[in-house]
Amino acid sequence: MTRREEWKRVLHAETERWSTKSCDQLIAELRETRNYEVLFDSNKYQVEVELLENKPEYVHVMLAVDDGSLLVSVLPATRTFNRQKSEPVLNCK
């Protein structure tokens, strides 16, 4: 498995975790960009989560994952998702 494929596995897991949160939770937890490390299959990965937009109808969230390697981490694996404010939590994916 390539390095980028490993990043995408971590990105998928972190997106699943964040996308289950309500709009109120996302807004409260992402007042500032969140940067943290996760351990996945015995390897450390850097995760960044940012609230891109907080509109009346939805919130727009971005996640980025890399392993901290200087040269290849310039282009991390990224994904965004929207959460409709009127949408129940279980239907947000």
N, C-alpha and C. Protein backbone atom coordinates (compact mmCIF):
# COMPACT_ATOMS: atom_id res chain seq x y z
N MET A 1 0.85 -1.18 0.00
CA MET A 1 0.00 0.00 0.00
C MET A 1 0.90 1.24 0.00
N THR A 2 0.57 2.20 -0.85
CA THR A 2 1.38 3.42 -0.94
C THR A 2 1.09 4.33 0.25
N ARG A 3 1.95 5.28 0.44
CA ARG A 3 1.78 6.26 1.51
C ARG A 3 0.45 7.01 1.36
N ARG A 4 0.14 7.44 0.15
CA ARG A 4 -1.11 8.17 -0.10
C ARG A 4 -2.33 7.30 0.17
N GLU A 5 -2.27 6.02 -0.15
CA GLU A 5 -3.37 5.11 0.15
C GLU A 5 -3.58 4.97 1.66
N GLU A 6 -2.48 4.94 2.40
CA GLU A 6 -2.59 4.90 3.87
C GLU A 6 -3.25 6.17 4.38
N TRP A 7 -2.85 7.31 3.84
CA TRP A 7 -3.46 8.59 4.25
C TRP A 7 -4.96 8.57 4.00
N LYS A 8 -5.36 8.03 2.84
CA LYS A 8 -6.78 8.00 2.49
C LYS A 8 -7.58 7.13 3.45
N ARG A 9 -6.99 6.06 3.95
CA ARG A 9 -7.67 5.22 4.94
C ARG A 9 -7.91 6.00 6.23
N VAL A 10 -6.90 6.74 6.66
CA VAL A 10 -7.03 7.57 7.85
C VAL A 10 -8.04 8.67 7.61
N LEU A 11 -7.97 9.30 6.45
CA LEU A 11 -8.90 10.36 6.08
C LEU A 11 -10.34 9.85 6.11
N HIS A 12 -10.57 8.67 5.58
CA HIS A 12 -11.91 8.10 5.58
C HIS A 12 -12.41 7.90 7.02
N ALA A 13 -11.57 7.34 7.88
CA ALA A 13 -11.97 7.09 9.27
C ALA A 13 -12.26 8.40 10.00
N GLU A 14 -11.42 9.41 9.80
CA GLU A 14 -11.63 10.69 10.48
C GLU A 14 -12.85 11.43 9.91
N THR A 15 -13.09 11.31 8.61
CA THR A 15 -14.29 11.92 8.02
C THR A 15 -15.54 11.27 8.59
N GLU A 16 -15.53 9.96 8.72
CA GLU A 16 -16.67 9.26 9.31
C GLU A 16 -16.92 9.76 10.73
N ARG A 17 -15.86 9.95 11.50
CA ARG A 17 -16.00 10.40 12.89
C ARG A 17 -16.57 11.81 12.96
N TRP A 18 -16.03 12.72 12.17
CA TRP A 18 -16.49 14.12 12.21
C TRP A 18 -17.87 14.29 11.58
N SER A 19 -18.20 13.52 10.56
CA SER A 19 -19.46 13.72 9.87
C SER A 19 -20.67 13.21 10.66
N THR A 20 -20.44 12.52 11.75
CA THR A 20 -21.55 12.08 12.59
C THR A 20 -21.98 13.15 13.60
N LYS A 21 -21.21 14.22 13.67
CA LYS A 21 -21.53 15.30 14.62
C LYS A 21 -22.61 16.21 14.07
N SER A 22 -23.36 16.81 14.95
CA SER A 22 -24.39 17.76 14.55
C SER A 22 -23.74 19.08 14.12
N CYS A 23 -24.52 19.93 13.47
CA CYS A 23 -24.02 21.25 13.08
C CYS A 23 -23.56 22.03 14.31
N ASP A 24 -24.34 21.98 15.37
CA ASP A 24 -23.98 22.71 16.60
C ASP A 24 -22.66 22.21 17.16
N GLN A 25 -22.45 20.90 17.14
CA GLN A 25 -21.19 20.35 17.63
C GLN A 25 -20.03 20.78 16.75
N LEU A 26 -20.21 20.72 15.44
CA LEU A 26 -19.15 21.12 14.53
C LEU A 26 -18.78 22.58 14.72
N ILE A 27 -19.77 23.44 14.83
CA ILE A 27 -19.51 24.87 15.03
C ILE A 27 -18.77 25.11 16.33
N ALA A 28 -19.21 24.44 17.40
CA ALA A 28 -18.57 24.62 18.71
C ALA A 28 -17.14 24.09 18.73
N GLU A 29 -16.92 22.93 18.14
CA GLU A 29 -15.60 22.30 18.19
C GLU A 29 -14.61 22.87 17.18
N LEU A 30 -15.12 23.55 16.15
CA LEU A 30 -14.24 24.06 15.10
C LEU A 30 -14.21 25.58 15.05
N ARG A 31 -14.34 26.21 16.22
CA ARG A 31 -14.20 27.68 16.26
C ARG A 31 -12.83 28.09 15.76
N GLU A 32 -11.85 27.23 16.01
CA GLU A 32 -10.51 27.39 15.45
C GLU A 32 -10.15 26.08 14.77
N THR A 33 -9.25 26.15 13.80
CA THR A 33 -8.79 24.95 13.11
C THR A 33 -8.22 23.96 14.13
N ARG A 34 -8.59 22.69 13.99
CA ARG A 34 -8.09 21.65 14.89
C ARG A 34 -6.97 20.90 14.20
N ASN A 35 -5.84 20.77 14.88
CA ASN A 35 -4.69 19.99 14.42
C ASN A 35 -4.35 18.98 15.50
N TYR A 36 -4.27 17.71 15.12
CA TYR A 36 -3.97 16.67 16.11
C TYR A 36 -3.35 15.47 15.40
N GLU A 37 -2.80 14.56 16.20
CA GLU A 37 -2.23 13.33 15.67
C GLU A 37 -3.11 12.17 16.03
N VAL A 38 -3.18 11.18 15.14
CA VAL A 38 -3.87 9.93 15.42
C VAL A 38 -2.91 8.78 15.16
N LEU A 39 -3.12 7.70 15.87
CA LEU A 39 -2.36 6.48 15.67
C LEU A 39 -3.26 5.53 14.89
N PHE A 40 -2.79 5.08 13.74
CA PHE A 40 -3.58 4.22 12.87
C PHE A 40 -2.66 3.12 12.36
N ASP A 41 -2.96 1.88 12.66
CA ASP A 41 -2.10 0.75 12.29
C ASP A 41 -0.65 0.98 12.73
N SER A 42 -0.48 1.45 13.96
CA SER A 42 0.83 1.68 14.59
C SER A 42 1.64 2.80 13.95
N ASN A 43 1.03 3.63 13.13
CA ASN A 43 1.70 4.78 12.54
C ASN A 43 1.00 6.06 12.96
N LYS A 44 1.79 7.13 13.10
CA LYS A 44 1.22 8.43 13.46
C LYS A 44 0.90 9.24 12.20
N TYR A 45 -0.27 9.89 12.26
CA TYR A 45 -0.70 10.74 11.15
C TYR A 45 -1.16 12.08 11.70
N GLN A 46 -0.94 13.12 10.94
CA GLN A 46 -1.40 14.45 11.32
C GLN A 46 -2.73 14.72 10.64
N VAL A 47 -3.67 15.24 11.43
CA VAL A 47 -5.01 15.54 10.93
C VAL A 47 -5.29 17.02 11.17
N GLU A 48 -5.86 17.66 10.18
CA GLU A 48 -6.31 19.05 10.32
C GLU A 48 -7.79 19.09 9.94
N VAL A 49 -8.59 19.72 10.80
CA VAL A 49 -10.02 19.85 10.53
C VAL A 49 -10.37 21.32 10.65
N GLU A 50 -11.09 21.83 9.64
CA GLU A 50 -11.40 23.26 9.61
C GLU A 50 -12.85 23.47 9.16
N LEU A 51 -13.51 24.39 9.82
CA LEU A 51 -14.84 24.81 9.41
C LEU A 51 -14.65 25.87 8.32
N LEU A 52 -14.99 25.52 7.09
CA LEU A 52 -14.79 26.44 5.97
C LEU A 52 -15.91 27.46 5.86
N GLU A 53 -17.16 27.01 6.07
CA GLU A 53 -18.31 27.90 5.95
C GLU A 53 -19.34 27.56 7.03
N ASN A 54 -19.97 28.61 7.55
CA ASN A 54 -21.10 28.46 8.46
C ASN A 54 -22.23 29.32 7.90
N LYS A 55 -22.99 28.73 7.00
CA LYS A 55 -24.09 29.43 6.33
C LYS A 55 -25.39 29.15 7.06
N PRO A 56 -26.43 29.94 6.80
CA PRO A 56 -27.73 29.68 7.45
C PRO A 56 -28.28 28.29 7.15
N GLU A 57 -27.96 27.75 5.96
CA GLU A 57 -28.50 26.46 5.56
C GLU A 57 -27.60 25.27 5.89
N TYR A 58 -26.29 25.49 5.99
CA TYR A 58 -25.36 24.37 6.15
C TYR A 58 -24.03 24.84 6.75
N VAL A 59 -23.21 23.84 7.16
CA VAL A 59 -21.81 24.08 7.48
C VAL A 59 -20.98 23.23 6.52
N HIS A 60 -19.80 23.72 6.20
CA HIS A 60 -18.89 23.07 5.25
C HIS A 60 -17.57 22.82 5.98
N VAL A 61 -17.15 21.57 6.05
CA VAL A 61 -15.98 21.16 6.84
C VAL A 61 -14.94 20.52 5.93
N MET A 62 -13.66 20.81 6.20
CA MET A 62 -12.55 20.24 5.45
C MET A 62 -11.66 19.46 6.39
N LEU A 63 -11.20 18.28 5.93
CA LEU A 63 -10.23 17.48 6.67
C LEU A 63 -9.02 17.25 5.77
N ALA A 64 -7.84 17.22 6.38
CA ALA A 64 -6.60 16.92 5.66
C ALA A 64 -5.78 15.97 6.51
N VAL A 65 -5.12 15.01 5.86
CA VAL A 65 -4.30 14.01 6.56
C VAL A 65 -2.98 13.85 5.83
N ASP A 66 -1.90 13.75 6.61
CA ASP A 66 -0.59 13.38 6.07
C ASP A 66 0.20 12.73 7.19
N ASP A 67 1.42 12.31 6.87
CA ASP A 67 2.24 11.65 7.90
C ASP A 67 3.37 12.53 8.41
N GLY A 68 3.37 13.79 8.04
CA GLY A 68 4.37 14.72 8.53
C GLY A 68 5.68 14.72 7.76
N SER A 69 5.81 13.88 6.75
CA SER A 69 7.02 13.86 5.93
C SER A 69 7.07 15.14 5.12
N LEU A 70 8.15 15.85 5.22
CA LEU A 70 8.23 17.20 4.67
C LEU A 70 7.90 17.29 3.19
N LEU A 71 8.53 16.52 2.37
CA LEU A 71 8.35 16.70 0.93
C LEU A 71 6.97 16.26 0.43
N VAL A 72 6.49 15.11 0.86
CA VAL A 72 5.21 14.62 0.33
C VAL A 72 4.01 15.20 1.06
N SER A 73 4.20 15.74 2.25
CA SER A 73 3.08 16.29 3.01
C SER A 73 2.65 17.67 2.53
N VAL A 74 3.35 18.20 1.54
CA VAL A 74 2.95 19.48 0.96
C VAL A 74 1.55 19.35 0.34
N LEU A 75 1.22 18.15 -0.16
CA LEU A 75 -0.09 17.88 -0.75
C LEU A 75 -0.77 16.76 0.05
N PRO A 76 -1.40 17.10 1.18
CA PRO A 76 -2.05 16.07 2.00
C PRO A 76 -3.29 15.51 1.31
N ALA A 77 -3.76 14.39 1.80
CA ALA A 77 -5.05 13.85 1.35
C ALA A 77 -6.13 14.71 1.99
N THR A 78 -7.10 15.18 1.20
CA THR A 78 -8.13 16.07 1.73
C THR A 78 -9.52 15.61 1.31
N ARG A 79 -10.48 16.07 2.09
CA ARG A 79 -11.90 15.80 1.78
C ARG A 79 -12.73 16.87 2.48
N THR A 80 -13.85 17.20 1.88
CA THR A 80 -14.78 18.12 2.52
C THR A 80 -16.15 17.45 2.60
N PHE A 81 -16.97 17.95 3.51
CA PHE A 81 -18.36 17.51 3.56
C PHE A 81 -19.21 18.67 4.04
N ASN A 82 -20.49 18.64 3.66
CA ASN A 82 -21.48 19.62 4.10
C ASN A 82 -22.45 18.94 5.05
N ARG A 83 -22.88 19.68 6.06
CA ARG A 83 -23.94 19.21 6.96
C ARG A 83 -25.07 20.22 6.85
N GLN A 84 -26.21 19.79 6.34
CA GLN A 84 -27.39 20.64 6.27
C GLN A 84 -27.91 20.88 7.68
N LYS A 85 -28.22 22.11 8.00
CA LYS A 85 -28.65 22.43 9.36
C LYS A 85 -30.03 21.83 9.68
N SER A 86 -30.84 21.57 8.67
CA SER A 86 -32.14 20.98 8.92
C SER A 86 -32.12 19.46 8.81
N GLU A 87 -30.94 18.89 8.51
CA GLU A 87 -30.81 17.47 8.25
C GLU A 87 -30.50 16.70 9.53
N PRO A 88 -31.17 15.58 9.77
CA PRO A 88 -30.83 14.76 10.94
C PRO A 88 -29.41 14.26 10.84
N VAL A 89 -28.76 14.02 11.98
CA VAL A 89 -27.36 13.58 12.02
C VAL A 89 -27.13 12.31 11.23
N LEU A 90 -28.00 11.35 11.29
CA LEU A 90 -27.76 10.06 10.64
C LEU A 90 -27.78 10.14 9.13
N ASN A 91 -28.34 11.19 8.55
CA ASN A 91 -28.45 11.29 7.09
C ASN A 91 -27.43 12.23 6.47
N CYS A 92 -26.35 12.56 7.17
CA CYS A 92 -25.48 13.62 6.69
C CYS A 92 -24.43 13.17 5.70
N LYS A 93 -24.18 11.92 5.53
CA LYS A 93 -23.08 11.47 4.68
C LYS A 93 -23.43 11.73 3.26
